[in-house]
Amino acid sequence: MLPSFPGLFKTARIQPLGLWCVAFLKKVCKYTCYVALFLYASFLGLIYYFEHQPVLMSKDETLALTHLNQLRISAGANAVVALPTLMHAAKIQAEYTVEVGELQHVRKKHKGLFNLLETLGGRLNSSFYFSHGTESMGQSEGRNPDLSVNYLLKAPYHRIPLLDPGITQIGLGLLPYTEQNGNWLALVFEIGGYTESPSVVVWPASGTEVPCAFQPSDELPNPAPEAKDGLVGYIVTVEIASALNKELSTQHFSMVDNATQTEIKGRIASSSSDTHMPSNAVAFIPEKPLLSGHTYGVSFKGYAEDSPISKSWTFSARDGR
């Protein structure tokens, strides 16, 4: 007669339960993967749906985008196209700007744990745009879309992202303030679609006519706090695509009044001397306002890491905005 081992019977009873648990977990994992794939596909479908919606722009917004593209092409960059998701993000920020009456990249009003619109990233994501983006916004007196764009380009920190040769997509919101705030426009650009374009962009572009002076205190942060009488000459910039992740360094950057052959005094601003200047751009800040009707020659030599860059061009100055 064989001896009895009660423990063996207990093990025999546990084994089927263990196998059942393993099989159950396999099914759970299997269906979880199916659900995850379904949700992921739905998510991609939503992104595709929102990105391919018709682009709805007001007449003023169409004029502003057309003007910006004309200026980009004259500066050596490509034209950008309006993307519905970026348009949505720009419009809700323009509406907020008009509501509070001031420019805020990070919203101070209506803060809360679930306020997705508080930051740029939240506004882009809530509009179903999930790539890298930049925001450039301003306000201008006089309800003229072209002038609103020109105001932004006068300010170097706002100009550089708008003229980045690597961007391909944009959204804009252009709204008038209420009558209590005067005859002003709020203009918001949401910028995206970054590519590694090899183009070099200069502004003012060759052959263009720009205002003689710039009031740096109009831009926050102030790019030239040392300005005497609150004014400097129109600021000149050179930039490469930010997506290249290369630092633009300066070997030579000068400006000459062609009528008098006098060199314009000024200083060079780069990421090494100005913490707000992006590394893909450098600026020449004339010490004094330029002279109306005069033509100015600019010469730049530098490097995008190990790639040499050389540019020479002229532009003219005028009174007014």
C-alpha atoms as a PDB file:
ATOM      1  CA  MET A   1       0.000   0.000   0.000  1.00  0.00           C
ATOM      2  CA  LEU A   2       1.334   3.402  -0.993  1.00  0.00           C
ATOM      3  CA  PRO A   3       1.871   6.013   1.686  1.00  0.00           C
ATOM      4  CA  SER A   4      -0.448   9.016   1.785  1.00  0.00           C
ATOM      5  CA  PHE A   5       0.973  12.545   1.151  1.00  0.00           C
ATOM      6  CA  PRO A   6      -1.764  15.139   1.769  1.00  0.00           C
ATOM      7  CA  GLY A   7       0.459  17.964   0.530  1.00  0.00           C
ATOM      8  CA  LEU A   8       0.477  16.532  -2.987  1.00  0.00           C
ATOM      9  CA  PHE A   9      -3.278  16.768  -3.193  1.00  0.00           C
ATOM     10  CA  LYS A  10      -3.210  20.394  -2.099  1.00  0.00           C
ATOM     11  CA  THR A  11      -0.685  21.203  -4.817  1.00  0.00           C
ATOM     12  CA  ALA A  12      -2.812  19.431  -7.389  1.00  0.00           C
ATOM     13  CA  ARG A  13      -5.775  21.600  -6.468  1.00  0.00           C
ATOM     14  CA  ILE A  14      -3.738  24.860  -6.713  1.00  0.00           C
ATOM     15  CA  GLN A  15      -2.212  24.132 -10.112  1.00  0.00           C
ATOM     16  CA  PRO A  16      -5.444  24.517 -12.152  1.00  0.00           C
ATOM     17  CA  LEU A  17      -6.191  27.821 -10.374  1.00  0.00           C
ATOM     18  CA  GLY A  18      -2.705  29.123 -11.232  1.00  0.00           C
ATOM     19  CA  LEU A  19      -3.087  28.130 -14.859  1.00  0.00           C
ATOM     20  CA  TRP A  20      -6.483  29.828 -14.975  1.00  0.00           C
ATOM     21  CA  CYS A  21      -4.970  33.049 -13.569  1.00  0.00           C
ATOM     22  CA  VAL A  22      -2.215  32.995 -16.167  1.00  0.00           C
ATOM     23  CA  ALA A  23      -4.728  32.469 -18.967  1.00  0.00           C
ATOM     24  CA  PHE A  24      -6.922  35.244 -17.572  1.00  0.00           C
ATOM     25  CA  LEU A  25      -4.007  37.653 -17.403  1.00  0.00           C
ATOM     26  CA  LYS A  26      -3.045  36.818 -20.981  1.00  0.00           C
ATOM     27  CA  LYS A  27      -6.559  37.658 -22.127  1.00  0.00           C
ATOM     28  CA  VAL A  28      -6.561  40.879 -20.140  1.00  0.00           C
ATOM     29  CA  CYS A  29      -3.245  41.916 -21.689  1.00  0.00           C
ATOM     30  CA  LYS A  30      -4.495  40.951 -25.121  1.00  0.00           C
ATOM     31  CA  TYR A  31      -7.685  42.977 -24.885  1.00  0.00           C
ATOM     32  CA  THR A  32      -5.854  45.831 -23.169  1.00  0.00           C
ATOM     33  CA  CYS A  33      -3.544  45.998 -26.179  1.00  0.00           C
ATOM     34  CA  TYR A  34      -6.561  46.031 -28.484  1.00  0.00           C
ATOM     35  CA  VAL A  35      -8.152  48.850 -26.495  1.00  0.00           C
ATOM     36  CA  ALA A  36      -4.852  50.796 -26.432  1.00  0.00           C
ATOM     37  CA  LEU A  37      -4.447  50.390 -30.190  1.00  0.00           C
ATOM     38  CA  PHE A  38      -8.054  51.486 -30.716  1.00  0.00           C
ATOM     39  CA  LEU A  39      -7.568  54.588 -28.540  1.00  0.00           C
ATOM     40  CA  TYR A  40      -4.285  55.411 -30.262  1.00  0.00           C
ATOM     41  CA  ALA A  41      -5.845  55.069 -33.712  1.00  0.00           C
ATOM     42  CA  SER A  42      -8.786  57.220 -32.595  1.00  0.00           C
ATOM     43  CA  PHE A  43      -6.382  59.818 -31.259  1.00  0.00           C
ATOM     44  CA  LEU A  44      -4.487  59.918 -34.578  1.00  0.00           C
ATOM     45  CA  GLY A  45      -7.799  60.143 -36.386  1.00  0.00           C
ATOM     46  CA  LEU A  46      -8.820  63.147 -34.299  1.00  0.00           C
ATOM     47  CA  ILE A  47      -5.512  64.882 -35.034  1.00  0.00           C
ATOM     48  CA  TYR A  48      -5.949  64.205 -38.752  1.00  0.00           C
ATOM     49  CA  TYR A  49      -9.547  65.458 -38.576  1.00  0.00           C
ATOM     50  CA  PHE A  50      -8.646  68.728 -36.850  1.00  0.00           C
ATOM     51  CA  GLU A  51      -5.596  69.335 -39.054  1.00  0.00           C
ATOM     52  CA  HIS A  52      -7.671  68.958 -42.205  1.00  0.00           C
ATOM     53  CA  GLN A  53     -10.544  71.214 -41.235  1.00  0.00           C
ATOM     54  CA  PRO A  54     -11.111  74.247 -43.484  1.00  0.00           C
ATOM     55  CA  VAL A  55      -8.979  77.223 -42.477  1.00  0.00           C
ATOM     56  CA  LEU A  56     -11.350  80.016 -41.500  1.00  0.00           C
ATOM     57  CA  MET A  57      -9.776  83.472 -41.509  1.00  0.00           C
ATOM     58  CA  SER A  58     -11.255  86.930 -41.390  1.00  0.00           C
ATOM     59  CA  LYS A  59     -10.406  89.418 -44.111  1.00  0.00           C
ATOM     60  CA  ASP A  60      -7.928  91.169 -41.796  1.00  0.00           C
ATOM     61  CA  GLU A  61      -6.264  87.877 -40.840  1.00  0.00           C
ATOM     62  CA  THR A  62      -5.896  86.953 -44.516  1.00  0.00           C
ATOM     63  CA  LEU A  63      -4.292  90.330 -45.216  1.00  0.00           C
ATOM     64  CA  ALA A  64      -1.918  89.946 -42.246  1.00  0.00           C
ATOM     65  CA  LEU A  65      -0.794  86.462 -43.330  1.00  0.00           C
ATOM     66  CA  THR A  66      -0.334  87.575 -46.943  1.00  0.00           C
ATOM     67  CA  HIS A  67       1.771  90.529 -45.789  1.00  0.00           C
ATOM     68  CA  LEU A  68       3.885  88.347 -43.481  1.00  0.00           C
ATOM     69  CA  ASN A  69       4.571  85.890 -46.307  1.00  0.00           C
ATOM     70  CA  GLN A  70       5.600  88.707 -48.635  1.00  0.00           C
ATOM     71  CA  LEU A  71       8.072  89.934 -46.031  1.00  0.00           C
ATOM     72  CA  ARG A  72       9.372  86.413 -45.345  1.00  0.00           C
ATOM     73  CA  ILE A  73      10.018  85.801 -49.055  1.00  0.00           C
ATOM     74  CA  SER A  74      11.794  89.157 -49.433  1.00  0.00           C
ATOM     75  CA  ALA A  75      14.012  88.233 -46.464  1.00  0.00           C
ATOM     76  CA  GLY A  76      15.022  84.869 -47.939  1.00  0.00           C
ATOM     77  CA  ALA A  77      12.539  82.540 -46.205  1.00  0.00           C
ATOM     78  CA  ASN A  78       9.698  80.390 -47.502  1.00  0.00           C
ATOM     79  CA  ALA A  79       5.998  81.258 -47.262  1.00  0.00           C
ATOM     80  CA  VAL A  80       4.088  79.620 -44.401  1.00  0.00           C
ATOM     81  CA  VAL A  81       0.628  78.062 -44.527  1.00  0.00           C
ATOM     82  CA  ALA A  82      -2.169  78.426 -41.994  1.00  0.00           C
ATOM     83  CA  LEU A  83      -2.905  75.244 -40.015  1.00  0.00           C
ATOM     84  CA  PRO A  84      -6.397  74.854 -38.471  1.00  0.00           C
ATOM     85  CA  THR A  85      -5.082  73.649 -35.106  1.00  0.00           C
ATOM     86  CA  LEU A  86      -2.655  76.574 -34.793  1.00  0.00           C
ATOM     87  CA  MET A  87      -5.383  78.952 -35.974  1.00  0.00           C
ATOM     88  CA  HIS A  88      -7.609  77.750 -33.133  1.00  0.00           C
ATOM     89  CA  ALA A  89      -4.869  78.241 -30.543  1.00  0.00           C
ATOM     90  CA  ALA A  90      -4.115  81.747 -31.848  1.00  0.00           C
ATOM     91  CA  LYS A  91      -7.752  82.801 -31.886  1.00  0.00           C
ATOM     92  CA  ILE A  92      -8.466  81.751 -28.301  1.00  0.00           C
ATOM     93  CA  GLN A  93      -5.359  83.634 -27.165  1.00  0.00           C
ATOM     94  CA  ALA A  94      -6.383  86.736 -29.144  1.00  0.00           C
ATOM     95  CA  GLU A  95      -9.837  86.583 -27.545  1.00  0.00           C
ATOM     96  CA  TYR A  96      -8.256  86.365 -24.097  1.00  0.00           C
ATOM     97  CA  THR A  97      -5.910  89.282 -24.884  1.00  0.00           C
ATOM     98  CA  VAL A  98      -8.867  91.471 -25.834  1.00  0.00           C
ATOM     99  CA  GLU A  99     -10.770  90.334 -22.736  1.00  0.00           C
ATOM    100  CA  VAL A 100      -8.043  91.271 -20.223  1.00  0.00           C
ATOM    101  CA  GLY A 101      -6.666  94.205 -22.213  1.00  0.00           C
ATOM    102  CA  GLU A 102      -2.990  93.211 -22.014  1.00  0.00           C
ATOM    103  CA  LEU A 103      -0.467  90.760 -23.476  1.00  0.00           C
ATOM    104  CA  GLN A 104       0.138  87.620 -21.393  1.00  0.00           C
ATOM    105  CA  HIS A 105       1.982  84.563 -22.704  1.00  0.00           C
ATOM    106  CA  VAL A 106       1.223  82.904 -19.359  1.00  0.00           C
ATOM    107  CA  ARG A 107      -2.280  83.807 -18.328  1.00  0.00           C
ATOM    108  CA  LYS A 108      -2.734  85.446 -14.929  1.00  0.00           C
ATOM    109  CA  LYS A 109      -6.512  85.320 -14.930  1.00  0.00           C
ATOM    110  CA  HIS A 110      -8.724  82.235 -14.481  1.00  0.00           C
ATOM    111  CA  LYS A 111      -5.902  80.152 -13.038  1.00  0.00           C
ATOM    112  CA  GLY A 112      -6.778  76.693 -11.810  1.00  0.00           C
ATOM    113  CA  LEU A 113      -5.645  73.094 -11.645  1.00  0.00           C
ATOM    114  CA  PHE A 114      -7.450  72.151 -14.841  1.00  0.00           C
ATOM    115  CA  ASN A 115      -6.887  75.354 -16.799  1.00  0.00           C
ATOM    116  CA  LEU A 116      -5.297  73.907 -19.933  1.00  0.00           C
ATOM    117  CA  LEU A 117      -5.200  77.317 -21.630  1.00  0.00           C
ATOM    118  CA  GLU A 118      -2.893  78.929 -19.077  1.00  0.00           C
ATOM    119  CA  THR A 119       0.345  78.190 -20.976  1.00  0.00           C
ATOM    120  CA  LEU A 120       1.313  78.027 -24.641  1.00  0.00           C
ATOM    121  CA  GLY A 121       1.807  74.252 -24.457  1.00  0.00           C
ATOM    122  CA  GLY A 122      -1.649  73.805 -22.974  1.00  0.00           C
ATOM    123  CA  ARG A 123      -3.269  75.975 -25.629  1.00  0.00           C
ATOM    124  CA  LEU A 124      -1.518  74.077 -28.430  1.00  0.00           C
ATOM    125  CA  ASN A 125      -2.374  70.650 -26.996  1.00  0.00           C
ATOM    126  CA  SER A 126      -5.995  71.582 -26.347  1.00  0.00           C
ATOM    127  CA  SER A 127      -6.155  72.585 -30.027  1.00  0.00           C
ATOM    128  CA  PHE A 128      -4.773  69.140 -31.025  1.00  0.00           C
ATOM    129  CA  TYR A 129      -1.339  70.437 -31.998  1.00  0.00           C
ATOM    130  CA  PHE A 130       1.343  68.311 -30.321  1.00  0.00           C
ATOM    131  CA  SER A 131       4.584  69.467 -31.962  1.00  0.00           C
ATOM    132  CA  HIS A 132       6.986  72.193 -30.864  1.00  0.00           C
ATOM    133  CA  GLY A 133       5.495  75.663 -31.135  1.00  0.00           C
ATOM    134  CA  THR A 134       6.349  79.302 -30.450  1.00  0.00           C
ATOM    135  CA  GLU A 135       4.124  82.287 -29.767  1.00  0.00           C
ATOM    136  CA  SER A 136       4.629  85.869 -30.957  1.00  0.00           C
ATOM    137  CA  MET A 137       2.041  88.452 -30.017  1.00  0.00           C
ATOM    138  CA  GLY A 138       1.627  92.209 -29.977  1.00  0.00           C
ATOM    139  CA  GLN A 139      -0.800  95.103 -30.119  1.00  0.00           C
ATOM    140  CA  SER A 140      -0.847  98.110 -32.404  1.00  0.00           C
ATOM    141  CA  GLU A 141      -2.776 101.337 -32.719  1.00  0.00           C
ATOM    142  CA  GLY A 142      -4.780 101.764 -35.889  1.00  0.00           C
ATOM    143  CA  ARG A 143      -6.756  98.876 -37.301  1.00  0.00           C
ATOM    144  CA  ASN A 144      -4.376  98.094 -40.143  1.00  0.00           C
ATOM    145  CA  PRO A 145      -3.278  94.405 -40.466  1.00  0.00           C
ATOM    146  CA  ASP A 146      -0.096  95.269 -42.392  1.00  0.00           C
ATOM    147  CA  LEU A 147       1.002  97.781 -39.755  1.00  0.00           C
ATOM    148  CA  SER A 148       0.314  95.233 -37.009  1.00  0.00           C
ATOM    149  CA  VAL A 149       2.722  92.795 -38.657  1.00  0.00           C
ATOM    150  CA  ASN A 150       5.277  95.577 -39.177  1.00  0.00           C
ATOM    151  CA  TYR A 151       5.108  96.469 -35.473  1.00  0.00           C
ATOM    152  CA  LEU A 152       5.988  92.896 -34.534  1.00  0.00           C
ATOM    153  CA  LEU A 153       8.891  92.815 -36.998  1.00  0.00           C
ATOM    154  CA  LYS A 154      10.328  96.024 -35.528  1.00  0.00           C
ATOM    155  CA  ALA A 155      10.892  94.178 -32.236  1.00  0.00           C
ATOM    156  CA  PRO A 156      13.809  91.709 -32.615  1.00  0.00           C
ATOM    157  CA  TYR A 157      12.691  89.128 -30.044  1.00  0.00           C
ATOM    158  CA  HIS A 158       9.295  88.895 -31.777  1.00  0.00           C
ATOM    159  CA  ARG A 159      10.718  89.189 -35.297  1.00  0.00           C
ATOM    160  CA  ILE A 160      13.153  86.274 -35.064  1.00  0.00           C
ATOM    161  CA  PRO A 161      10.580  83.473 -34.571  1.00  0.00           C
ATOM    162  CA  LEU A 162       8.312  84.948 -37.268  1.00  0.00           C
ATOM    163  CA  LEU A 163      11.126  85.047 -39.844  1.00  0.00           C
ATOM    164  CA  ASP A 164      12.670  81.698 -38.871  1.00  0.00           C
ATOM    165  CA  PRO A 165      13.479  80.126 -42.271  1.00  0.00           C
ATOM    166  CA  GLY A 166      12.620  76.658 -40.959  1.00  0.00           C
ATOM    167  CA  ILE A 167       8.965  77.198 -40.039  1.00  0.00           C
ATOM    168  CA  THR A 168       6.253  75.996 -42.415  1.00  0.00           C
ATOM    169  CA  GLN A 169       3.013  76.342 -40.419  1.00  0.00           C
ATOM    170  CA  ILE A 170       1.311  79.202 -38.622  1.00  0.00           C
ATOM    171  CA  GLY A 171      -1.881  80.260 -36.956  1.00  0.00           C
ATOM    172  CA  LEU A 172      -3.017  83.807 -36.303  1.00  0.00           C
ATOM    173  CA  GLY A 173      -5.708  85.607 -34.398  1.00  0.00           C
ATOM    174  CA  LEU A 174      -6.371  89.282 -35.126  1.00  0.00           C
ATOM    175  CA  LEU A 175      -9.037  91.072 -33.111  1.00  0.00           C
ATOM    176  CA  PRO A 176      -9.892  94.720 -32.352  1.00  0.00           C
ATOM    177  CA  TYR A 177      -9.980  95.872 -28.765  1.00  0.00           C
ATOM    178  CA  THR A 178     -13.162  97.333 -27.361  1.00  0.00           C
ATOM    179  CA  GLU A 179     -13.789 101.040 -27.895  1.00  0.00           C
ATOM    180  CA  GLN A 180     -12.846 101.695 -24.244  1.00  0.00           C
ATOM    181  CA  ASN A 181      -9.278 100.659 -25.097  1.00  0.00           C
ATOM    182  CA  GLY A 182      -9.076 102.814 -28.199  1.00  0.00           C
ATOM    183  CA  ASN A 183      -8.505 101.977 -31.834  1.00  0.00           C
ATOM    184  CA  TRP A 184      -6.134  99.064 -31.226  1.00  0.00           C
ATOM    185  CA  LEU A 185      -5.588  95.582 -32.651  1.00  0.00           C
ATOM    186  CA  ALA A 186      -4.387  92.476 -30.816  1.00  0.00           C
ATOM    187  CA  LEU A 187      -2.341  90.137 -33.023  1.00  0.00           C
ATOM    188  CA  VAL A 188      -1.295  86.628 -31.977  1.00  0.00           C
ATOM    189  CA  PHE A 189       0.840  84.236 -34.032  1.00  0.00           C
ATOM    190  CA  GLU A 190       1.270  80.561 -33.118  1.00  0.00           C
ATOM    191  CA  ILE A 191       4.278  79.215 -35.011  1.00  0.00           C
ATOM    192  CA  GLY A 192       5.120  75.589 -35.859  1.00  0.00           C
ATOM    193  CA  GLY A 193       6.173  73.079 -38.499  1.00  0.00           C
ATOM    194  CA  TYR A 194       9.897  73.470 -37.829  1.00  0.00           C
ATOM    195  CA  THR A 195      12.295  72.108 -40.466  1.00  0.00           C
ATOM    196  CA  GLU A 196      16.081  72.207 -40.944  1.00  0.00           C
ATOM    197  CA  SER A 197      16.070  74.772 -43.737  1.00  0.00           C
ATOM    198  CA  PRO A 198      19.549  75.833 -44.959  1.00  0.00           C
ATOM    199  CA  SER A 199      18.393  79.400 -45.748  1.00  0.00           C
ATOM    200  CA  VAL A 200      19.850  82.477 -44.064  1.00  0.00           C
ATOM    201  CA  VAL A 201      17.384  85.275 -43.353  1.00  0.00           C
ATOM    202  CA  VAL A 202      18.293  88.959 -42.970  1.00  0.00           C
ATOM    203  CA  TRP A 203      16.062  91.807 -41.876  1.00  0.00           C
ATOM    204  CA  PRO A 204      15.541  94.502 -43.020  1.00  0.00           C
ATOM    205  CA  ALA A 205      15.613  92.629 -46.322  1.00  0.00           C
ATOM    206  CA  SER A 206      17.612  93.911 -49.259  1.00  0.00           C
ATOM    207  CA  GLY A 207      15.906  96.853 -50.941  1.00  0.00           C
ATOM    208  CA  THR A 208      13.255  97.352 -48.273  1.00  0.00           C
ATOM    209  CA  GLU A 209      12.363 100.603 -46.554  1.00  0.00           C
ATOM    210  CA  VAL A 210      11.941 100.657 -42.782  1.00  0.00           C
ATOM    211  CA  PRO A 211      11.376 103.286 -40.055  1.00  0.00           C
ATOM    212  CA  CYS A 212      14.402 105.277 -38.885  1.00  0.00           C
ATOM    213  CA  ALA A 213      13.979 104.477 -35.212  1.00  0.00           C
ATOM    214  CA  PHE A 214      12.780 101.866 -32.759  1.00  0.00           C
ATOM    215  CA  GLN A 215      11.654 102.462 -29.202  1.00  0.00           C
ATOM    216  CA  PRO A 216      13.052  99.397 -27.400  1.00  0.00           C
ATOM    217  CA  SER A 217      10.884  99.913 -24.318  1.00  0.00           C
ATOM    218  CA  ASP A 218       7.908  98.943 -26.520  1.00  0.00           C
ATOM    219  CA  GLU A 219       9.182  95.358 -26.411  1.00  0.00           C
ATOM    220  CA  LEU A 220       9.273  93.160 -23.320  1.00  0.00           C
ATOM    221  CA  PRO A 221      11.947  92.362 -22.433  1.00  0.00           C
ATOM    222  CA  ASN A 222      13.700  95.562 -23.532  1.00  0.00           C
ATOM    223  CA  PRO A 223      16.437  94.664 -26.086  1.00  0.00           C
ATOM    224  CA  ALA A 224      18.308  97.983 -25.633  1.00  0.00           C
ATOM    225  CA  PRO A 225      17.883  99.411 -22.114  1.00  0.00           C
ATOM    226  CA  GLU A 226      20.930 101.625 -22.725  1.00  0.00           C
ATOM    227  CA  ALA A 227      19.065 103.657 -25.384  1.00  0.00           C
ATOM    228  CA  LYS A 228      19.522 107.424 -25.119  1.00  0.00           C
ATOM    229  CA  ASP A 229      16.291 109.427 -25.332  1.00  0.00           C
ATOM    230  CA  GLY A 230      14.496 106.087 -25.433  1.00  0.00           C
ATOM    231  CA  LEU A 231      15.280 105.469 -29.119  1.00  0.00           C
ATOM    232  CA  VAL A 232      17.760 103.416 -31.173  1.00  0.00           C
ATOM    233  CA  GLY A 233      18.116 102.910 -34.896  1.00  0.00           C
ATOM    234  CA  TYR A 234      16.085 100.207 -36.617  1.00  0.00           C
ATOM    235  CA  ILE A 235      17.593  96.908 -35.430  1.00  0.00           C
ATOM    236  CA  VAL A 236      19.177  94.593 -38.026  1.00  0.00           C
ATOM    237  CA  THR A 237      19.093  90.806 -37.588  1.00  0.00           C
ATOM    238  CA  VAL A 238      20.600  87.739 -39.249  1.00  0.00           C
ATOM    239  CA  GLU A 239      19.250  84.281 -38.469  1.00  0.00           C
ATOM    240  CA  ILE A 240      19.300  80.630 -39.452  1.00  0.00           C
ATOM    241  CA  ALA A 241      16.695  77.915 -38.866  1.00  0.00           C
ATOM    242  CA  SER A 242      16.336  77.154 -35.155  1.00  0.00           C
ATOM    243  CA  ALA A 243      15.659  73.478 -35.975  1.00  0.00           C
ATOM    244  CA  LEU A 244      19.301  73.132 -37.087  1.00  0.00           C
ATOM    245  CA  ASN A 245      20.293  73.454 -33.408  1.00  0.00           C
ATOM    246  CA  LYS A 246      23.389  75.416 -34.420  1.00  0.00           C
ATOM    247  CA  GLU A 247      24.734  78.549 -32.815  1.00  0.00           C
ATOM    248  CA  LEU A 248      25.207  81.517 -35.116  1.00  0.00           C
ATOM    249  CA  SER A 249      28.464  83.257 -34.215  1.00  0.00           C
ATOM    250  CA  THR A 250      29.708  86.626 -35.494  1.00  0.00           C
ATOM    251  CA  GLN A 251      33.087  87.327 -37.036  1.00  0.00           C
ATOM    252  CA  HIS A 252      32.148  90.728 -38.495  1.00  0.00           C
ATOM    253  CA  PHE A 253      28.908  92.740 -38.377  1.00  0.00           C
ATOM    254  CA  SER A 254      28.901  96.386 -39.533  1.00  0.00           C
ATOM    255  CA  MET A 255      26.605  99.017 -40.985  1.00  0.00           C
ATOM    256  CA  VAL A 256      27.482 102.050 -43.141  1.00  0.00           C
ATOM    257  CA  ASP A 257      25.526 105.138 -44.235  1.00  0.00           C
ATOM    258  CA  ASN A 258      26.064 104.967 -47.997  1.00  0.00           C
ATOM    259  CA  ALA A 259      25.418 108.708 -48.469  1.00  0.00           C
ATOM    260  CA  THR A 260      28.168 109.833 -46.089  1.00  0.00           C
ATOM    261  CA  GLN A 261      30.266 106.652 -46.004  1.00  0.00           C
ATOM    262  CA  THR A 262      30.227 106.816 -42.211  1.00  0.00           C
ATOM    263  CA  GLU A 263      30.137 103.680 -40.128  1.00  0.00           C
ATOM    264  CA  ILE A 264      27.134 103.443 -37.850  1.00  0.00           C
ATOM    265  CA  LYS A 265      27.958 103.066 -34.176  1.00  0.00           C
ATOM    266  CA  GLY A 266      26.155 100.293 -32.406  1.00  0.00           C
ATOM    267  CA  ARG A 267      26.518  97.023 -30.581  1.00  0.00           C
ATOM    268  CA  ILE A 268      26.092  93.371 -31.504  1.00  0.00           C
ATOM    269  CA  ALA A 269      23.611  91.291 -29.520  1.00  0.00           C
ATOM    270  CA  SER A 270      23.971  87.508 -29.493  1.00  0.00           C
ATOM    271  CA  SER A 271      23.050  84.663 -27.160  1.00  0.00           C
ATOM    272  CA  SER A 272      26.437  85.051 -25.441  1.00  0.00           C
ATOM    273  CA  SER A 273      25.762  88.701 -24.520  1.00  0.00           C
ATOM    274  CA  ASP A 274      21.957  88.719 -24.324  1.00  0.00           C
ATOM    275  CA  THR A 275      20.124  85.949 -22.486  1.00  0.00           C
ATOM    276  CA  HIS A 276      16.914  86.643 -24.420  1.00  0.00           C
ATOM    277  CA  MET A 277      18.520  86.383 -27.853  1.00  0.00           C
ATOM    278  CA  PRO A 278      18.112  82.874 -29.364  1.00  0.00           C
ATOM    279  CA  SER A 279      21.333  81.138 -30.394  1.00  0.00           C
ATOM    280  CA  ASN A 280      20.257  80.910 -34.060  1.00  0.00           C
ATOM    281  CA  ALA A 281      20.275  84.727 -34.487  1.00  0.00           C
ATOM    282  CA  VAL A 282      22.401  87.836 -33.968  1.00  0.00           C
ATOM    283  CA  ALA A 283      21.416  91.496 -34.044  1.00  0.00           C
ATOM    284  CA  PHE A 284      23.097  94.823 -34.716  1.00  0.00           C
ATOM    285  CA  ILE A 285      21.559  97.631 -32.626  1.00  0.00           C
ATOM    286  CA  PRO A 286      22.391 101.136 -33.971  1.00  0.00           C
ATOM    287  CA  GLU A 287      23.155 103.573 -31.182  1.00  0.00           C
ATOM    288  CA  LYS A 288      21.051 106.387 -32.694  1.00  0.00           C
ATOM    289  CA  PRO A 289      18.039 106.617 -35.024  1.00  0.00           C
ATOM    290  CA  LEU A 290      18.855 106.380 -38.727  1.00  0.00           C
ATOM    291  CA  LEU A 291      18.414 109.277 -41.157  1.00  0.00           C
ATOM    292  CA  SER A 292      15.309 109.425 -43.308  1.00  0.00           C
ATOM    293  CA  GLY A 293      15.952 109.008 -47.035  1.00  0.00           C
ATOM    294  CA  HIS A 294      19.390 107.487 -46.501  1.00  0.00           C
ATOM    295  CA  THR A 295      20.455 104.062 -47.749  1.00  0.00           C
ATOM    296  CA  TYR A 296      22.465 101.807 -45.455  1.00  0.00           C
ATOM    297  CA  GLY A 297      24.840  99.000 -46.335  1.00  0.00           C
ATOM    298  CA  VAL A 298      25.182  95.994 -44.025  1.00  0.00           C
ATOM    299  CA  SER A 299      27.981  93.442 -43.990  1.00  0.00           C
ATOM    300  CA  PHE A 300      27.892  90.230 -41.975  1.00  0.00           C
ATOM    301  CA  LYS A 301      30.395  87.390 -41.682  1.00  0.00           C
ATOM    302  CA  GLY A 302      30.025  84.552 -39.242  1.00  0.00           C
ATOM    303  CA  TYR A 303      29.613  80.833 -38.718  1.00  0.00           C
ATOM    304  CA  ALA A 304      26.799  78.396 -38.099  1.00  0.00           C
ATOM    305  CA  GLU A 305      29.130  76.162 -36.104  1.00  0.00           C
ATOM    306  CA  ASP A 306      31.606  75.078 -38.822  1.00  0.00           C
ATOM    307  CA  SER A 307      29.674  76.483 -41.831  1.00  0.00           C
ATOM    308  CA  PRO A 308      30.768  79.996 -42.933  1.00  0.00           C
ATOM    309  CA  ILE A 309      28.092  82.606 -43.673  1.00  0.00           C
ATOM    310  CA  SER A 310      28.667  85.854 -45.544  1.00  0.00           C
ATOM    311  CA  LYS A 311      25.962  88.420 -46.362  1.00  0.00           C
ATOM    312  CA  SER A 312      26.052  91.976 -47.765  1.00  0.00           C
ATOM    313  CA  TRP A 313      22.945  94.011 -48.576  1.00  0.00           C
ATOM    314  CA  THR A 314      21.363  97.479 -48.450  1.00  0.00           C
ATOM    315  CA  PHE A 315      18.111  98.950 -47.176  1.00  0.00           C
ATOM    316  CA  SER A 316      16.753 102.473 -46.740  1.00  0.00           C
ATOM    317  CA  ALA A 317      15.215 104.397 -43.853  1.00  0.00           C
ATOM    318  CA  ARG A 318      12.105 106.592 -43.750  1.00  0.00           C
ATOM    319  CA  ASP A 319      10.050 108.554 -41.272  1.00  0.00           C
ATOM    320  CA  GLY A 320       6.894 107.131 -39.767  1.00  0.00           C
ATOM    321  CA  ARG A 321       5.923 103.682 -38.566  1.00  0.00           C
END
